[in-house]
């Protein structure tokens, strides 16, 4: 039987491989389409943070990083 999964996740790219969230999504989609799994997302749901200097002390370096740790990179600076 078929299933649909809704995944909300964060991806960290410390080596600046992807141009933006759409580029990452496109790569995931093209790889998974070959296996029979299909991803779908509105482009407005694909968000990229501003660039920042990666440091070993970054909270995203740890497996217990919280949603708030990730979300701080999407906060608007005023």
PDB file of N, CA and C in Angstrom:
ATOM      1  N   UNK A   1       0.837  -1.180   0.000  1.00  0.00           N
ATOM      2  CA  UNK A   1       0.000   0.000   0.000  1.00  0.00           C
ATOM      3  C   UNK A   1       0.886   1.249   0.000  1.00  0.00           C
ATOM      4  N   UNK A   2       0.389   2.285  -0.591  1.00  0.00           N
ATOM      5  CA  UNK A   2       1.145   3.543  -0.681  1.00  0.00           C
ATOM      6  C   UNK A   2       1.019   4.349   0.599  1.00  0.00           C
ATOM      7  N   UNK A   3       1.978   5.219   0.836  1.00  0.00           N
ATOM      8  CA  UNK A   3       1.963   6.145   1.967  1.00  0.00           C
ATOM      9  C   UNK A   3       2.478   7.490   1.488  1.00  0.00           C
ATOM     10  N   UNK A   4       2.080   8.529   2.187  1.00  0.00           N
ATOM     11  CA  UNK A   4       2.617   9.867   1.963  1.00  0.00           C
ATOM     12  C   UNK A   4       3.247  10.312   3.271  1.00  0.00           C
ATOM     13  N   UNK A   5       4.437  10.859   3.210  1.00  0.00           N
ATOM     14  CA  UNK A   5       5.137  11.352   4.388  1.00  0.00           C
ATOM     15  C   UNK A   5       5.311  12.856   4.264  1.00  0.00           C
ATOM     16  N   UNK A   6       5.138  13.554   5.355  1.00  0.00           N
ATOM     17  CA  UNK A   6       5.430  14.984   5.377  1.00  0.00           C
ATOM     18  C   UNK A   6       6.683  15.152   6.226  1.00  0.00           C
ATOM     19  N   UNK A   7       7.715  15.671   5.613  1.00  0.00           N
ATOM     20  CA  UNK A   7       8.987  15.850   6.298  1.00  0.00           C
ATOM     21  C   UNK A   7       9.322  17.333   6.386  1.00  0.00           C
ATOM     22  N   UNK A   8       9.608  17.784   7.557  1.00  0.00           N
ATOM     23  CA  UNK A   8      10.153  19.118   7.745  1.00  0.00           C
ATOM     24  C   UNK A   8      11.520  18.911   8.367  1.00  0.00           C
ATOM     25  N   UNK A   9      12.557  19.328   7.683  1.00  0.00           N
ATOM     26  CA  UNK A   9      13.890  19.108   8.213  1.00  0.00           C
ATOM     27  C   UNK A   9      14.806  20.264   7.839  1.00  0.00           C
ATOM     28  N   UNK A  10      15.923  20.317   8.512  1.00  0.00           N
ATOM     29  CA  UNK A  10      16.942  21.311   8.241  1.00  0.00           C
ATOM     30  C   UNK A  10      18.144  20.600   7.642  1.00  0.00           C
ATOM     31  N   UNK A  11      18.783  21.215   6.690  1.00  0.00           N
ATOM     32  CA  UNK A  11      20.010  20.679   6.103  1.00  0.00           C
ATOM     33  C   UNK A  11      21.110  21.716   6.299  1.00  0.00           C
ATOM     34  N   UNK A  12      22.251  21.292   6.770  1.00  0.00           N
ATOM     35  CA  UNK A  12      23.393  22.177   6.974  1.00  0.00           C
ATOM     36  C   UNK A  12      24.417  21.894   5.883  1.00  0.00           C
ATOM     37  N   UNK A  13      24.898  22.939   5.240  1.00  0.00           N
ATOM     38  CA  UNK A  13      25.866  22.834   4.149  1.00  0.00           C
ATOM     39  C   UNK A  13      27.123  23.627   4.529  1.00  0.00           C
ATOM     40  N   UNK A  14      27.953  23.100   5.435  1.00  0.00           N
ATOM     41  CA  UNK A  14      29.106  23.872   5.910  1.00  0.00           C
ATOM     42  C   UNK A  14      30.156  24.128   4.835  1.00  0.00           C
ATOM     43  N   UNK A  15      30.127  23.387   3.751  1.00  0.00           N
ATOM     44  CA  UNK A  15      31.120  23.568   2.686  1.00  0.00           C
ATOM     45  C   UNK A  15      30.593  24.368   1.503  1.00  0.00           C
ATOM     46  N   UNK A  16      29.401  24.935   1.631  1.00  0.00           N
ATOM     47  CA  UNK A  16      28.810  25.800   0.598  1.00  0.00           C
ATOM     48  C   UNK A  16      28.730  25.099  -0.754  1.00  0.00           C
ATOM     49  N   UNK A  17      28.287  23.832  -0.746  1.00  0.00           N
ATOM     50  CA  UNK A  17      28.152  23.059  -1.978  1.00  0.00           C
ATOM     51  C   UNK A  17      26.940  23.507  -2.787  1.00  0.00           C
ATOM     52  N   UNK A  18      25.819  23.714  -2.128  1.00  0.00           N
ATOM     53  CA  UNK A  18      24.575  24.080  -2.815  1.00  0.00           C
ATOM     54  C   UNK A  18      24.439  25.598  -2.901  1.00  0.00           C
ATOM     55  N   UNK A  19      23.822  26.071  -3.981  1.00  0.00           N
ATOM     56  CA  UNK A  19      23.611  27.503  -4.160  1.00  0.00           C
ATOM     57  C   UNK A  19      22.558  28.036  -3.204  1.00  0.00           C
ATOM     58  N   UNK A  20      21.500  27.243  -3.012  1.00  0.00           N
ATOM     59  CA  UNK A  20      20.384  27.648  -2.160  1.00  0.00           C
ATOM     60  C   UNK A  20      19.507  26.425  -1.896  1.00  0.00           C
ATOM     61  N   UNK A  21      18.409  26.619  -1.168  1.00  0.00           N
ATOM     62  CA  UNK A  21      17.534  25.500  -0.808  1.00  0.00           C
ATOM     63  C   UNK A  21      16.921  24.846  -2.043  1.00  0.00           C
ATOM     64  N   UNK A  22      16.625  25.633  -3.061  1.00  0.00           N
ATOM     65  CA  UNK A  22      16.057  25.067  -4.286  1.00  0.00           C
ATOM     66  C   UNK A  22      17.059  24.120  -4.958  1.00  0.00           C
ATOM     67  N   UNK A  23      18.334  24.481  -4.959  1.00  0.00           N
ATOM     68  CA  UNK A  23      19.373  23.633  -5.543  1.00  0.00           C
ATOM     69  C   UNK A  23      19.444  22.294  -4.794  1.00  0.00           C
ATOM     70  N   UNK A  24      19.438  22.344  -3.467  1.00  0.00           N
ATOM     71  CA  UNK A  24      19.450  21.109  -2.668  1.00  0.00           C
ATOM     72  C   UNK A  24      18.210  20.272  -2.959  1.00  0.00           C
ATOM     73  N   UNK A  25      17.051  20.907  -2.970  1.00  0.00           N
ATOM     74  CA  UNK A  25      15.798  20.206  -3.247  1.00  0.00           C
ATOM     75  C   UNK A  25      15.839  19.549  -4.623  1.00  0.00           C
ATOM     76  N   UNK A  26      16.350  20.260  -5.614  1.00  0.00           N
ATOM     77  CA  UNK A  26      16.440  19.715  -6.971  1.00  0.00           C
ATOM     78  C   UNK A  26      17.337  18.479  -7.007  1.00  0.00           C
ATOM     79  N   UNK A  27      18.451  18.532  -6.291  1.00  0.00           N
ATOM     80  CA  UNK A  27      19.351  17.388  -6.252  1.00  0.00           C
ATOM     81  C   UNK A  27      18.685  16.190  -5.572  1.00  0.00           C
ATOM     82  N   UNK A  28      18.003  16.431  -4.472  1.00  0.00           N
ATOM     83  CA  UNK A  28      17.302  15.351  -3.769  1.00  0.00           C
ATOM     84  C   UNK A  28      16.223  14.761  -4.665  1.00  0.00           C
ATOM     85  N   UNK A  29      15.495  15.612  -5.346  1.00  0.00           N
ATOM     86  CA  UNK A  29      14.397  15.163  -6.201  1.00  0.00           C
ATOM     87  C   UNK A  29      14.910  14.310  -7.346  1.00  0.00           C
ATOM     88  N   UNK A  30      15.967  14.759  -7.997  1.00  0.00           N
ATOM     89  CA  UNK A  30      16.458  13.993  -9.146  1.00  0.00           C
ATOM     90  C   UNK A  30      17.004  12.640  -8.715  1.00  0.00           C
ATOM     91  N   UNK A  31      17.629  12.567  -7.561  1.00  0.00           N
ATOM     92  CA  UNK A  31      18.150  11.282  -7.073  1.00  0.00           C
ATOM     93  C   UNK A  31      17.024  10.344  -6.676  1.00  0.00           C
ATOM     94  N   UNK A  32      16.047  10.840  -5.971  1.00  0.00           N
ATOM     95  CA  UNK A  32      14.994   9.990  -5.447  1.00  0.00           C
ATOM     96  C   UNK A  32      13.964   9.598  -6.493  1.00  0.00           C
ATOM     97  N   UNK A  33      13.770  10.400  -7.515  1.00  0.00           N
ATOM     98  CA  UNK A  33      12.825  10.023  -8.566  1.00  0.00           C
ATOM     99  C   UNK A  33      13.213   8.702  -9.218  1.00  0.00           C
ATOM    100  N   UNK A  34      14.517   8.438  -9.290  1.00  0.00           N
ATOM    101  CA  UNK A  34      14.983   7.175  -9.873  1.00  0.00           C
ATOM    102  C   UNK A  34      14.586   5.981  -9.006  1.00  0.00           C
ATOM    103  N   UNK A  35      14.376   6.203  -7.705  1.00  0.00           N
ATOM    104  CA  UNK A  35      14.019   5.099  -6.807  1.00  0.00           C
ATOM    105  C   UNK A  35      12.510   4.956  -6.654  1.00  0.00           C
ATOM    106  N   UNK A  36      11.749   5.845  -7.284  1.00  0.00           N
ATOM    107  CA  UNK A  36      10.294   5.760  -7.198  1.00  0.00           C
ATOM    108  C   UNK A  36       9.692   6.619  -6.108  1.00  0.00           C
ATOM    109  N   UNK A  37      10.510   7.369  -5.394  1.00  0.00           N
ATOM    110  CA  UNK A  37      10.024   8.289  -4.364  1.00  0.00           C
ATOM    111  C   UNK A  37       9.986   9.676  -4.971  1.00  0.00           C
ATOM    112  N   UNK A  38       8.913  10.397  -4.747  1.00  0.00           N
ATOM    113  CA  UNK A  38       8.757  11.721  -5.323  1.00  0.00           C
ATOM    114  C   UNK A  38       8.595  12.756  -4.226  1.00  0.00           C
ATOM    115  N   UNK A  39       9.351  13.857  -4.338  1.00  0.00           N
ATOM    116  CA  UNK A  39       9.246  14.981  -3.416  1.00  0.00           C
ATOM    117  C   UNK A  39       8.438  16.080  -4.085  1.00  0.00           C
ATOM    118  N   UNK A  40       7.720  16.836  -3.277  1.00  0.00           N
ATOM    119  CA  UNK A  40       7.018  17.998  -3.793  1.00  0.00           C
ATOM    120  C   UNK A  40       7.052  19.081  -2.734  1.00  0.00           C
ATOM    121  N   UNK A  41       7.352  20.280  -3.151  1.00  0.00           N
ATOM    122  CA  UNK A  41       7.332  21.427  -2.250  1.00  0.00           C
ATOM    123  C   UNK A  41       7.100  22.675  -3.076  1.00  0.00           C
ATOM    124  N   UNK A  42       6.436  23.629  -2.474  1.00  0.00           N
ATOM    125  CA  UNK A  42       6.285  24.933  -3.106  1.00  0.00           C
ATOM    126  C   UNK A  42       7.633  25.648  -3.006  1.00  0.00           C
ATOM    127  N   UNK A  43       7.998  26.369  -4.026  1.00  0.00           N
ATOM    128  CA  UNK A  43       9.277  27.064  -3.985  1.00  0.00           C
ATOM    129  C   UNK A  43       9.334  28.033  -2.806  1.00  0.00           C
ATOM    130  N   UNK A  44       8.198  28.596  -2.420  1.00  0.00           N
ATOM    131  CA  UNK A  44       8.158  29.520  -1.278  1.00  0.00           C
ATOM    132  C   UNK A  44       8.480  28.821   0.042  1.00  0.00           C
ATOM    133  N   UNK A  45       8.390  27.492   0.084  1.00  0.00           N
ATOM    134  CA  UNK A  45       8.713  26.737   1.294  1.00  0.00           C
ATOM    135  C   UNK A  45      10.199  26.424   1.403  1.00  0.00           C
ATOM    136  N   UNK A  46      10.958  26.678   0.348  1.00  0.00           N
ATOM    137  CA  UNK A  46      12.387  26.383   0.311  1.00  0.00           C
ATOM    138  C   UNK A  46      13.147  27.639   0.710  1.00  0.00           C
ATOM    139  N   UNK A  47      13.650  27.662   1.925  1.00  0.00           N
ATOM    140  CA  UNK A  47      14.252  28.864   2.498  1.00  0.00           C
ATOM    141  C   UNK A  47      15.742  28.645   2.697  1.00  0.00           C
ATOM    142  N   UNK A  48      16.525  29.653   2.350  1.00  0.00           N
ATOM    143  CA  UNK A  48      17.974  29.623   2.517  1.00  0.00           C
ATOM    144  C   UNK A  48      18.374  30.721   3.488  1.00  0.00           C
ATOM    145  N   UNK A  49      19.238  30.391   4.440  1.00  0.00           N
ATOM    146  CA  UNK A  49      19.716  31.409   5.382  1.00  0.00           C
ATOM    147  C   UNK A  49      20.737  32.304   4.692  1.00  0.00           C
ATOM    148  N   UNK A  50      21.067  33.386   5.367  1.00  0.00           N
ATOM    149  CA  UNK A  50      22.194  34.204   4.929  1.00  0.00           C
ATOM    150  C   UNK A  50      23.467  33.390   5.148  1.00  0.00           C
ATOM    151  N   UNK A  51      24.520  33.687   4.392  1.00  0.00           N
ATOM    152  CA  UNK A  51      25.791  33.005   4.595  1.00  0.00           C
ATOM    153  C   UNK A  51      26.374  33.418   5.942  1.00  0.00           C
ATOM    154  N   UNK A  52      27.086  32.495   6.562  1.00  0.00           N
ATOM    155  CA  UNK A  52      27.747  32.791   7.828  1.00  0.00           C
ATOM    156  C   UNK A  52      29.025  31.966   7.917  1.00  0.00           C
ATOM    157  N   UNK A  53      29.928  32.403   8.761  1.00  0.00           N
ATOM    158  CA  UNK A  53      31.197  31.709   8.956  1.00  0.00           C
ATOM    159  C   UNK A  53      30.964  30.465   9.800  1.00  0.00           C
ATOM    160  N   UNK A  54      31.320  29.302   9.268  1.00  0.00           N
ATOM    161  CA  UNK A  54      31.161  28.051  10.003  1.00  0.00           C
ATOM    162  C   UNK A  54      32.280  27.933  11.033  1.00  0.00           C
ATOM    163  N   UNK A  55      31.903  27.598  12.265  1.00  0.00           N
ATOM    164  CA  UNK A  55      32.878  27.425  13.344  1.00  0.00           C
ATOM    165  C   UNK A  55      32.607  26.093  14.022  1.00  0.00           C
ATOM    166  N   UNK A  56      33.632  25.494  14.574  1.00  0.00           N
ATOM    167  CA  UNK A  56      33.458  24.232  15.295  1.00  0.00           C
ATOM    168  C   UNK A  56      32.515  24.378  16.478  1.00  0.00           C
ATOM    169  N   UNK A  57      32.418  25.578  17.026  1.00  0.00           N
ATOM    170  CA  UNK A  57      31.548  25.816  18.180  1.00  0.00           C
ATOM    171  C   UNK A  57      30.090  26.047  17.789  1.00  0.00           C
ATOM    172  N   UNK A  58      29.799  26.027  16.505  1.00  0.00           N
ATOM    173  CA  UNK A  58      28.426  26.248  16.027  1.00  0.00           C
ATOM    174  C   UNK A  58      27.492  25.211  16.655  1.00  0.00           C
ATOM    175  N   UNK A  59      26.348  25.633  17.202  1.00  0.00           N
ATOM    176  CA  UNK A  59      25.436  24.679  17.828  1.00  0.00           C
ATOM    177  C   UNK A  59      24.899  23.621  16.856  1.00  0.00           C
ATOM    178  N   UNK A  60      24.949  23.902  15.560  1.00  0.00           N
ATOM    179  CA  UNK A  60      24.465  22.934  14.578  1.00  0.00           C
ATOM    180  C   UNK A  60      25.437  21.772  14.396  1.00  0.00           C
ATOM    181  N   UNK A  61      26.608  21.875  14.994  1.00  0.00           N
ATOM    182  CA  UNK A  61      27.602  20.807  14.942  1.00  0.00           C
ATOM    183  C   UNK A  61      27.249  19.635  15.848  1.00  0.00           C
ATOM    184  N   UNK A  62      26.236  19.796  16.658  1.00  0.00           N
ATOM    185  CA  UNK A  62      25.924  18.782  17.662  1.00  0.00           C
ATOM    186  C   UNK A  62      24.608  18.086  17.357  1.00  0.00           C
ATOM    187  N   UNK A  63      24.557  16.791  17.619  1.00  0.00           N
ATOM    188  CA  UNK A  63      23.360  16.007  17.306  1.00  0.00           C
ATOM    189  C   UNK A  63      22.155  16.417  18.133  1.00  0.00           C
ATOM    190  N   UNK A  64      22.379  17.107  19.252  1.00  0.00           N
ATOM    191  CA  UNK A  64      21.248  17.542  20.073  1.00  0.00           C
ATOM    192  C   UNK A  64      20.827  18.979  19.765  1.00  0.00           C
ATOM    193  N   UNK A  65      21.240  19.504  18.593  1.00  0.00           N
ATOM    194  CA  UNK A  65      20.828  20.856  18.203  1.00  0.00           C
ATOM    195  C   UNK A  65      19.306  20.922  18.153  1.00  0.00           C
ATOM    196  N   UNK A  66      18.764  21.983  18.699  1.00  0.00           N
ATOM    197  CA  UNK A  66      17.307  22.137  18.775  1.00  0.00           C
ATOM    198  C   UNK A  66      16.765  22.849  17.537  1.00  0.00           C
ATOM    199  N   UNK A  67      15.469  22.821  17.403  1.00  0.00           N
ATOM    200  CA  UNK A  67      14.811  23.559  16.319  1.00  0.00           C
ATOM    201  C   UNK A  67      15.154  25.044  16.429  1.00  0.00           C
ATOM    202  N   UNK A  68      15.207  25.547  17.645  1.00  0.00           N
ATOM    203  CA  UNK A  68      15.535  26.957  17.864  1.00  0.00           C
ATOM    204  C   UNK A  68      16.962  27.270  17.400  1.00  0.00           C
ATOM    205  N   UNK A  69      17.893  26.309  17.604  1.00  0.00           N
ATOM    206  CA  UNK A  69      19.260  26.507  17.124  1.00  0.00           C
ATOM    207  C   UNK A  69      19.275  26.719  15.614  1.00  0.00           C
ATOM    208  N   UNK A  70      18.491  25.926  14.891  1.00  0.00           N
ATOM    209  CA  UNK A  70      18.419  26.075  13.440  1.00  0.00           C
ATOM    210  C   UNK A  70      17.673  27.349  13.046  1.00  0.00           C
ATOM    211  N   UNK A  71      16.572  27.628  13.712  1.00  0.00           N
ATOM    212  CA  UNK A  71      15.731  28.761  13.348  1.00  0.00           C
ATOM    213  C   UNK A  71      16.433  30.099  13.515  1.00  0.00           C
ATOM    214  N   UNK A  72      17.418  30.175  14.415  1.00  0.00           N
ATOM    215  CA  UNK A  72      18.106  31.455  14.611  1.00  0.00           C
ATOM    216  C   UNK A  72      18.805  31.924  13.338  1.00  0.00           C
ATOM    217  N   UNK A  73      19.101  31.016  12.436  1.00  0.00           N
ATOM    218  CA  UNK A  73      19.759  31.396  11.180  1.00  0.00           C
ATOM    219  C   UNK A  73      18.781  31.955  10.155  1.00  0.00           C
ATOM    220  N   UNK A  74      17.507  31.911  10.464  1.00  0.00           N
ATOM    221  CA  UNK A  74      16.488  32.455   9.559  1.00  0.00           C
ATOM    222  C   UNK A  74      15.841  33.720  10.114  1.00  0.00           C
ATOM    223  N   UNK A  75      16.293  34.194  11.260  1.00  0.00           N
ATOM    224  CA  UNK A  75      15.742  35.399  11.861  1.00  0.00           C
ATOM    225  C   UNK A  75      16.203  36.623  11.080  1.00  0.00           C
ATOM    226  N   UNK A  76      15.297  37.551  10.893  1.00  0.00           N
ATOM    227  CA  UNK A  76      15.636  38.788  10.199  1.00  0.00           C
ATOM    228  C   UNK A  76      16.441  39.689  11.138  1.00  0.00           C
ATOM    229  N   UNK A  77      17.536  40.200  10.636  1.00  0.00           N
ATOM    230  CA  UNK A  77      18.350  41.136  11.413  1.00  0.00           C
ATOM    231  C   UNK A  77      17.786  42.536  11.235  1.00  0.00           C
ATOM    232  N   UNK A  78      17.648  43.261  12.339  1.00  0.00           N
ATOM    233  CA  UNK A  78      17.131  44.633  12.243  1.00  0.00           C
ATOM    234  C   UNK A  78      18.148  45.617  12.722  1.00  0.00           C
TER     235      UNK A  78
END
